[in-house]
PDB file of all heavy atoms in Angstrom:
ATOM      1  N   LEU A   1      12.201 -13.260   6.371  1.00  0.00           N
ATOM      2  CA  LEU A   1      11.543 -12.507   7.424  1.00  0.00           C
ATOM      3  C   LEU A   1      12.543 -11.703   8.234  1.00  0.00           C
ATOM      4  O   LEU A   1      12.255 -10.575   8.659  1.00  0.00           O
ATOM      5  CB  LEU A   1      10.766 -13.450   8.345  1.00  0.00           C
ATOM      6  CG  LEU A   1      10.012 -12.797   9.522  1.00  0.00           C
ATOM      7  CD1 LEU A   1       8.997 -11.779   9.003  1.00  0.00           C
ATOM      8  CD2 LEU A   1       9.318 -13.869  10.379  1.00  0.00           C
ATOM      9  N   SER A   2      13.733 -12.247   8.410  1.00  0.00           N
ATOM     10  CA  SER A   2      14.770 -11.536   9.142  1.00  0.00           C
ATOM     11  C   SER A   2      15.173 -10.252   8.411  1.00  0.00           C
ATOM     12  O   SER A   2      15.454  -9.232   9.046  1.00  0.00           O
ATOM     13  CB  SER A   2      15.991 -12.438   9.346  1.00  0.00           C
ATOM     14  OG  SER A   2      16.496 -12.884   8.089  1.00  0.00           O
ATOM     15  N   ASP A   3      15.186 -10.294   7.071  1.00  0.00           N
ATOM     16  CA  ASP A   3      15.497  -9.091   6.288  1.00  0.00           C
ATOM     17  C   ASP A   3      14.400  -8.043   6.477  1.00  0.00           C
ATOM     18  O   ASP A   3      14.669  -6.843   6.590  1.00  0.00           O
ATOM     19  CB  ASP A   3      15.649  -9.439   4.815  1.00  0.00           C
ATOM     20  CG  ASP A   3      16.790 -10.412   4.558  1.00  0.00           C
ATOM     21  OD1 ASP A   3      17.868 -10.215   5.135  1.00  0.00           O
ATOM     22  OD2 ASP A   3      16.578 -11.382   3.806  1.00  0.00           O
ATOM     23  N   GLN A   4      13.157  -8.526   6.485  1.00  0.00           N
ATOM     24  CA  GLN A   4      12.022  -7.619   6.688  1.00  0.00           C
ATOM     25  C   GLN A   4      12.118  -6.923   8.039  1.00  0.00           C
ATOM     26  O   GLN A   4      11.929  -5.695   8.129  1.00  0.00           O
ATOM     27  CB  GLN A   4      10.719  -8.418   6.595  1.00  0.00           C
ATOM     28  CG  GLN A   4       9.476  -7.609   6.940  1.00  0.00           C
ATOM     29  CD  GLN A   4       8.216  -8.441   6.949  1.00  0.00           C
ATOM     30  OE1 GLN A   4       8.086  -9.378   6.153  1.00  0.00           O
ATOM     31  NE2 GLN A   4       7.302  -8.135   7.841  1.00  0.00           N
ATOM     32  N   ILE A   5      12.410  -7.677   9.073  1.00  0.00           N
ATOM     33  CA  ILE A   5      12.508  -7.098  10.420  1.00  0.00           C
ATOM     34  C   ILE A   5      13.687  -6.127  10.497  1.00  0.00           C
ATOM     35  O   ILE A   5      13.581  -5.034  11.060  1.00  0.00           O
ATOM     36  CB  ILE A   5      12.652  -8.218  11.464  1.00  0.00           C
ATOM     37  CG1 ILE A   5      11.382  -9.093  11.466  1.00  0.00           C
ATOM     38  CG2 ILE A   5      12.913  -7.631  12.848  1.00  0.00           C
ATOM     39  CD1 ILE A   5      11.472 -10.297  12.371  1.00  0.00           C
ATOM     40  N   ALA A   6      14.810  -6.525   9.931  1.00  0.00           N
ATOM     41  CA  ALA A   6      16.018  -5.687   9.990  1.00  0.00           C
ATOM     42  C   ALA A   6      15.820  -4.360   9.265  1.00  0.00           C
ATOM     43  O   ALA A   6      16.337  -3.317   9.689  1.00  0.00           O
ATOM     44  CB  ALA A   6      17.194  -6.441   9.399  1.00  0.00           C
ATOM     45  N   GLN A   7      15.048  -4.374   8.173  1.00  0.00           N
ATOM     46  CA  GLN A   7      14.834  -3.155   7.391  1.00  0.00           C
ATOM     47  C   GLN A   7      13.621  -2.373   7.848  1.00  0.00           C
ATOM     48  O   GLN A   7      13.327  -1.301   7.312  1.00  0.00           O
ATOM     49  CB  GLN A   7      14.687  -3.529   5.912  1.00  0.00           C
ATOM     50  CG  GLN A   7      15.927  -4.172   5.307  1.00  0.00           C
ATOM     51  CD  GLN A   7      15.726  -4.615   3.877  1.00  0.00           C
ATOM     52  OE1 GLN A   7      14.918  -4.045   3.142  1.00  0.00           O
ATOM     53  NE2 GLN A   7      16.441  -5.664   3.461  1.00  0.00           N
ATOM     54  N   GLY A   8      12.893  -2.903   8.838  1.00  0.00           N
ATOM     55  CA  GLY A   8      11.720  -2.198   9.344  1.00  0.00           C
ATOM     56  C   GLY A   8      10.576  -2.181   8.361  1.00  0.00           C
ATOM     57  O   GLY A   8       9.707  -1.291   8.426  1.00  0.00           O
ATOM     58  N   ALA A   9      10.539  -3.141   7.465  1.00  0.00           N
ATOM     59  CA  ALA A   9       9.458  -3.210   6.469  1.00  0.00           C
ATOM     60  C   ALA A   9       8.152  -3.585   7.180  1.00  0.00           C
ATOM     61  O   ALA A   9       8.123  -4.437   8.076  1.00  0.00           O
ATOM     62  CB  ALA A   9       9.798  -4.238   5.402  1.00  0.00           C
ATOM     63  N   ARG A  10       7.069  -2.973   6.736  1.00  0.00           N
ATOM     64  CA  ARG A  10       5.773  -3.190   7.392  1.00  0.00           C
ATOM     65  C   ARG A  10       4.646  -2.726   6.459  1.00  0.00           C
ATOM     66  O   ARG A  10       4.880  -1.960   5.511  1.00  0.00           O
ATOM     67  CB  ARG A  10       5.700  -2.408   8.691  1.00  0.00           C
ATOM     68  CG  ARG A  10       6.101  -0.949   8.553  1.00  0.00           C
ATOM     69  CD  ARG A  10       5.486  -0.092   9.634  1.00  0.00           C
ATOM     70  NE  ARG A  10       4.061   0.075   9.425  1.00  0.00           N
ATOM     71  CZ  ARG A  10       3.253   0.724  10.272  1.00  0.00           C
ATOM     72  NH1 ARG A  10       3.735   1.225  11.384  1.00  0.00           N
ATOM     73  NH2 ARG A  10       1.965   0.853  10.014  1.00  0.00           N
ATOM     74  N   PRO A  11       3.424  -3.184   6.710  1.00  0.00           N
ATOM     75  CA  PRO A  11       2.296  -2.710   5.914  1.00  0.00           C
ATOM     76  C   PRO A  11       1.903  -1.299   6.322  1.00  0.00           C
ATOM     77  O   PRO A  11       2.008  -0.920   7.496  1.00  0.00           O
ATOM     78  CB  PRO A  11       1.185  -3.726   6.243  1.00  0.00           C
ATOM     79  CG  PRO A  11       1.533  -4.227   7.607  1.00  0.00           C
ATOM     80  CD  PRO A  11       3.024  -4.230   7.674  1.00  0.00           C
ATOM     81  N   ASN A  12       1.441  -0.520   5.353  1.00  0.00           N
ATOM     82  CA  ASN A  12       0.940   0.837   5.601  1.00  0.00           C
ATOM     83  C   ASN A  12      -0.354   1.030   4.840  1.00  0.00           C
ATOM     84  O   ASN A  12      -0.492   0.594   3.684  1.00  0.00           O
ATOM     85  CB  ASN A  12       1.956   1.895   5.136  1.00  0.00           C
ATOM     86  CG  ASN A  12       3.206   1.918   6.003  1.00  0.00           C
ATOM     87  OD1 ASN A  12       3.122   2.040   7.222  1.00  0.00           O
ATOM     88  ND2 ASN A  12       4.358   1.799   5.374  1.00  0.00           N
ATOM     89  N   THR A  13      -1.309   1.664   5.463  1.00  0.00           N
ATOM     90  CA  THR A  13      -2.567   1.946   4.791  1.00  0.00           C
ATOM     91  C   THR A  13      -2.502   3.306   4.108  1.00  0.00           C
ATOM     92  O   THR A  13      -1.912   4.249   4.642  1.00  0.00           O
ATOM     93  CB  THR A  13      -3.749   1.930   5.776  1.00  0.00           C
ATOM     94  OG1 THR A  13      -3.507   2.877   6.830  1.00  0.00           O
ATOM     95  CG2 THR A  13      -3.941   0.556   6.383  1.00  0.00           C
ATOM     96  N   ILE A  14      -3.098   3.405   2.938  1.00  0.00           N
ATOM     97  CA  ILE A  14      -3.149   4.643   2.180  1.00  0.00           C
ATOM     98  C   ILE A  14      -4.617   4.954   1.881  1.00  0.00           C
ATOM     99  O   ILE A  14      -5.372   4.078   1.444  1.00  0.00           O
ATOM    100  CB  ILE A  14      -2.360   4.543   0.862  1.00  0.00           C
ATOM    101  CG1 ILE A  14      -0.893   4.210   1.149  1.00  0.00           C
ATOM    102  CG2 ILE A  14      -2.457   5.825   0.059  1.00  0.00           C
ATOM    103  CD1 ILE A  14      -0.064   3.979  -0.104  1.00  0.00           C
ATOM    104  N   LEU A  15      -5.023   6.182   2.151  1.00  0.00           N
ATOM    105  CA  LEU A  15      -6.381   6.617   1.879  1.00  0.00           C
ATOM    106  C   LEU A  15      -6.441   7.298   0.509  1.00  0.00           C
ATOM    107  O   LEU A  15      -5.680   8.224   0.248  1.00  0.00           O
ATOM    108  CB  LEU A  15      -6.857   7.587   2.972  1.00  0.00           C
ATOM    109  CG  LEU A  15      -8.181   8.318   2.718  1.00  0.00           C
ATOM    110  CD1 LEU A  15      -9.331   7.336   2.568  1.00  0.00           C
ATOM    111  CD2 LEU A  15      -8.450   9.314   3.842  1.00  0.00           C
ATOM    112  N   TYR A  16      -7.349   6.840  -0.346  1.00  0.00           N
ATOM    113  CA  TYR A  16      -7.547   7.442  -1.661  1.00  0.00           C
ATOM    114  C   TYR A  16      -8.961   8.013  -1.758  1.00  0.00           C
ATOM    115  O   TYR A  16      -9.931   7.384  -1.332  1.00  0.00           O
ATOM    116  CB  TYR A  16      -7.355   6.424  -2.777  1.00  0.00           C
ATOM    117  CG  TYR A  16      -5.926   5.981  -2.984  1.00  0.00           C
ATOM    118  CD1 TYR A  16      -5.561   4.641  -2.908  1.00  0.00           C
ATOM    119  CD2 TYR A  16      -4.927   6.911  -3.271  1.00  0.00           C
ATOM    120  CE1 TYR A  16      -4.254   4.240  -3.095  1.00  0.00           C
ATOM    121  CE2 TYR A  16      -3.613   6.520  -3.458  1.00  0.00           C
ATOM    122  CZ  TYR A  16      -3.288   5.185  -3.368  1.00  0.00           C
ATOM    123  OH  TYR A  16      -1.975   4.791  -3.560  1.00  0.00           O
ATOM    124  N   ARG A  17      -9.053   9.228  -2.326  1.00  0.00           N
ATOM    125  CA  ARG A  17     -10.351   9.806  -2.625  1.00  0.00           C
ATOM    126  C   ARG A  17     -10.906   9.180  -3.912  1.00  0.00           C
ATOM    127  O   ARG A  17     -10.160   8.663  -4.731  1.00  0.00           O
ATOM    128  CB  ARG A  17     -10.254  11.315  -2.829  1.00  0.00           C
ATOM    129  CG  ARG A  17      -9.687  12.085  -1.661  1.00  0.00           C
ATOM    130  CD  ARG A  17      -9.800  13.588  -1.919  1.00  0.00           C
ATOM    131  NE  ARG A  17      -9.356  13.930  -3.258  1.00  0.00           N
ATOM    132  CZ  ARG A  17      -8.109  14.181  -3.591  1.00  0.00           C
ATOM    133  NH1 ARG A  17      -7.145  14.114  -2.678  1.00  0.00           N
ATOM    134  NH2 ARG A  17      -7.788  14.497  -4.834  1.00  0.00           N
ATOM    135  N   ALA A  18     -12.197   9.294  -4.073  1.00  0.00           N
ATOM    136  CA  ALA A  18     -12.839   8.703  -5.258  1.00  0.00           C
ATOM    137  C   ALA A  18     -12.316   9.321  -6.543  1.00  0.00           C
ATOM    138  O   ALA A  18     -12.153   8.625  -7.556  1.00  0.00           O
ATOM    139  CB  ALA A  18     -14.356   8.880  -5.155  1.00  0.00           C
ATOM    140  N   ASP A  19     -12.013  10.622  -6.532  1.00  0.00           N
ATOM    141  CA  ASP A  19     -11.563  11.302  -7.742  1.00  0.00           C
ATOM    142  C   ASP A  19     -10.168  10.864  -8.175  1.00  0.00           C
ATOM    143  O   ASP A  19      -9.743  11.159  -9.305  1.00  0.00           O
ATOM    144  CB  ASP A  19     -11.570  12.812  -7.533  1.00  0.00           C
ATOM    145  CG  ASP A  19     -12.978  13.384  -7.532  1.00  0.00           C
ATOM    146  OD1 ASP A  19     -13.912  12.595  -7.768  1.00  0.00           O
ATOM    147  OD2 ASP A  19     -13.141  14.589  -7.289  1.00  0.00           O
ATOM    148  N   GLN A  20      -9.435  10.173  -7.307  1.00  0.00           N
ATOM    149  CA  GLN A  20      -8.101   9.724  -7.679  1.00  0.00           C
ATOM    150  C   GLN A  20      -8.137   8.455  -8.537  1.00  0.00           C
ATOM    151  O   GLN A  20      -7.144   8.116  -9.168  1.00  0.00           O
ATOM    152  CB  GLN A  20      -7.266   9.459  -6.416  1.00  0.00           C
ATOM    153  CG  GLN A  20      -6.899  10.727  -5.651  1.00  0.00           C
ATOM    154  CD  GLN A  20      -6.058  10.417  -4.433  1.00  0.00           C
ATOM    155  OE1 GLN A  20      -6.545  10.388  -3.319  1.00  0.00           O
ATOM    156  NE2 GLN A  20      -4.773  10.207  -4.639  1.00  0.00           N
ATOM    157  N   VAL A  21      -9.251   7.765  -8.546  1.00  0.00           N
ATOM    158  CA  VAL A  21      -9.372   6.535  -9.329  1.00  0.00           C
ATOM    159  C   VAL A  21      -9.703   6.902 -10.774  1.00  0.00           C
ATOM    160  O   VAL A  21     -10.756   7.471 -11.075  1.00  0.00           O
ATOM    161  CB  VAL A  21     -10.462   5.614  -8.750  1.00  0.00           C
ATOM    162  CG1 VAL A  21     -10.631   4.364  -9.614  1.00  0.00           C
ATOM    163  CG2 VAL A  21     -10.108   5.219  -7.321  1.00  0.00           C
ATOM    164  N   LEU A  22      -8.780   6.584 -11.678  1.00  0.00           N
ATOM    165  CA  LEU A  22      -8.974   6.881 -13.096  1.00  0.00           C
ATOM    166  C   LEU A  22      -9.780   5.811 -13.813  1.00  0.00           C
ATOM    167  O   LEU A  22     -10.427   6.095 -14.819  1.00  0.00           O
ATOM    168  CB  LEU A  22      -7.604   7.031 -13.774  1.00  0.00           C
ATOM    169  CG  LEU A  22      -6.659   8.087 -13.194  1.00  0.00           C
ATOM    170  CD1 LEU A  22      -5.340   8.084 -13.967  1.00  0.00           C
ATOM    171  CD2 LEU A  22      -7.300   9.472 -13.229  1.00  0.00           C
ATOM    172  N   GLY A  23      -9.706   4.603 -13.325  1.00  0.00           N
ATOM    173  CA  GLY A  23     -10.432   3.500 -13.955  1.00  0.00           C
ATOM    174  C   GLY A  23     -10.159   2.199 -13.237  1.00  0.00           C
ATOM    175  O   GLY A  23      -9.168   2.059 -12.520  1.00  0.00           O
ATOM    176  N   PHE A  24     -11.064   1.248 -13.430  1.00  0.00           N
ATOM    177  CA  PHE A  24     -10.890  -0.077 -12.831  1.00  0.00           C
ATOM    178  C   PHE A  24     -11.590  -1.118 -13.684  1.00  0.00           C
ATOM    179  O   PHE A  24     -12.507  -0.808 -14.453  1.00  0.00           O
ATOM    180  CB  PHE A  24     -11.423  -0.106 -11.390  1.00  0.00           C
ATOM    181  CG  PHE A  24     -12.890   0.226 -11.267  1.00  0.00           C
ATOM    182  CD1 PHE A  24     -13.862  -0.757 -11.380  1.00  0.00           C
ATOM    183  CD2 PHE A  24     -13.300   1.539 -11.051  1.00  0.00           C
ATOM    184  CE1 PHE A  24     -15.210  -0.453 -11.279  1.00  0.00           C
ATOM    185  CE2 PHE A  24     -14.648   1.859 -10.949  1.00  0.00           C
ATOM    186  CZ  PHE A  24     -15.592   0.858 -11.065  1.00  0.00           C
ATOM    187  N   LYS A  25     -11.129  -2.350 -13.538  1.00  0.00           N
ATOM    188  CA  LYS A  25     -11.744  -3.487 -14.218  1.00  0.00           C
ATOM    189  C   LYS A  25     -12.043  -4.563 -13.194  1.00  0.00           C
ATOM    190  O   LYS A  25     -11.312  -4.711 -12.199  1.00  0.00           O
ATOM    191  CB  LYS A  25     -10.819  -4.035 -15.303  1.00  0.00           C
ATOM    192  CG  LYS A  25     -10.534  -3.057 -16.448  1.00  0.00           C
ATOM    193  CD  LYS A  25      -9.605  -3.681 -17.491  1.00  0.00           C
ATOM    194  CE  LYS A  25      -9.326  -2.705 -18.626  1.00  0.00           C
ATOM    195  NZ  LYS A  25      -8.422  -3.298 -19.645  1.00  0.00           N
ATOM    196  N   HIS A  26     -13.108  -5.306 -13.439  1.00  0.00           N
ATOM    197  CA  HIS A  26     -13.468  -6.372 -12.519  1.00  0.00           C
ATOM    198  C   HIS A  26     -14.181  -7.494 -13.275  1.00  0.00           C
ATOM    199  O   HIS A  26     -14.643  -7.298 -14.400  1.00  0.00           O
ATOM    200  CB  HIS A  26     -14.357  -5.845 -11.384  1.00  0.00           C
ATOM    201  CG  HIS A  26     -15.639  -5.210 -11.867  1.00  0.00           C
ATOM    202  ND1 HIS A  26     -16.848  -5.844 -11.851  1.00  0.00           N
ATOM    203  CD2 HIS A  26     -15.882  -3.977 -12.402  1.00  0.00           C
ATOM    204  CE1 HIS A  26     -17.784  -5.055 -12.324  1.00  0.00           C
ATOM    205  NE2 HIS A  26     -17.230  -3.910 -12.677  1.00  0.00           N
TER     206      HIS A  26
END
């Protein structure tokens, strides 16, 4: 965790349009 804090690592949200999805499995 100390490495994460020191490097400024954090979660980021990314928005994807529907046309960017080439395929999925479930």
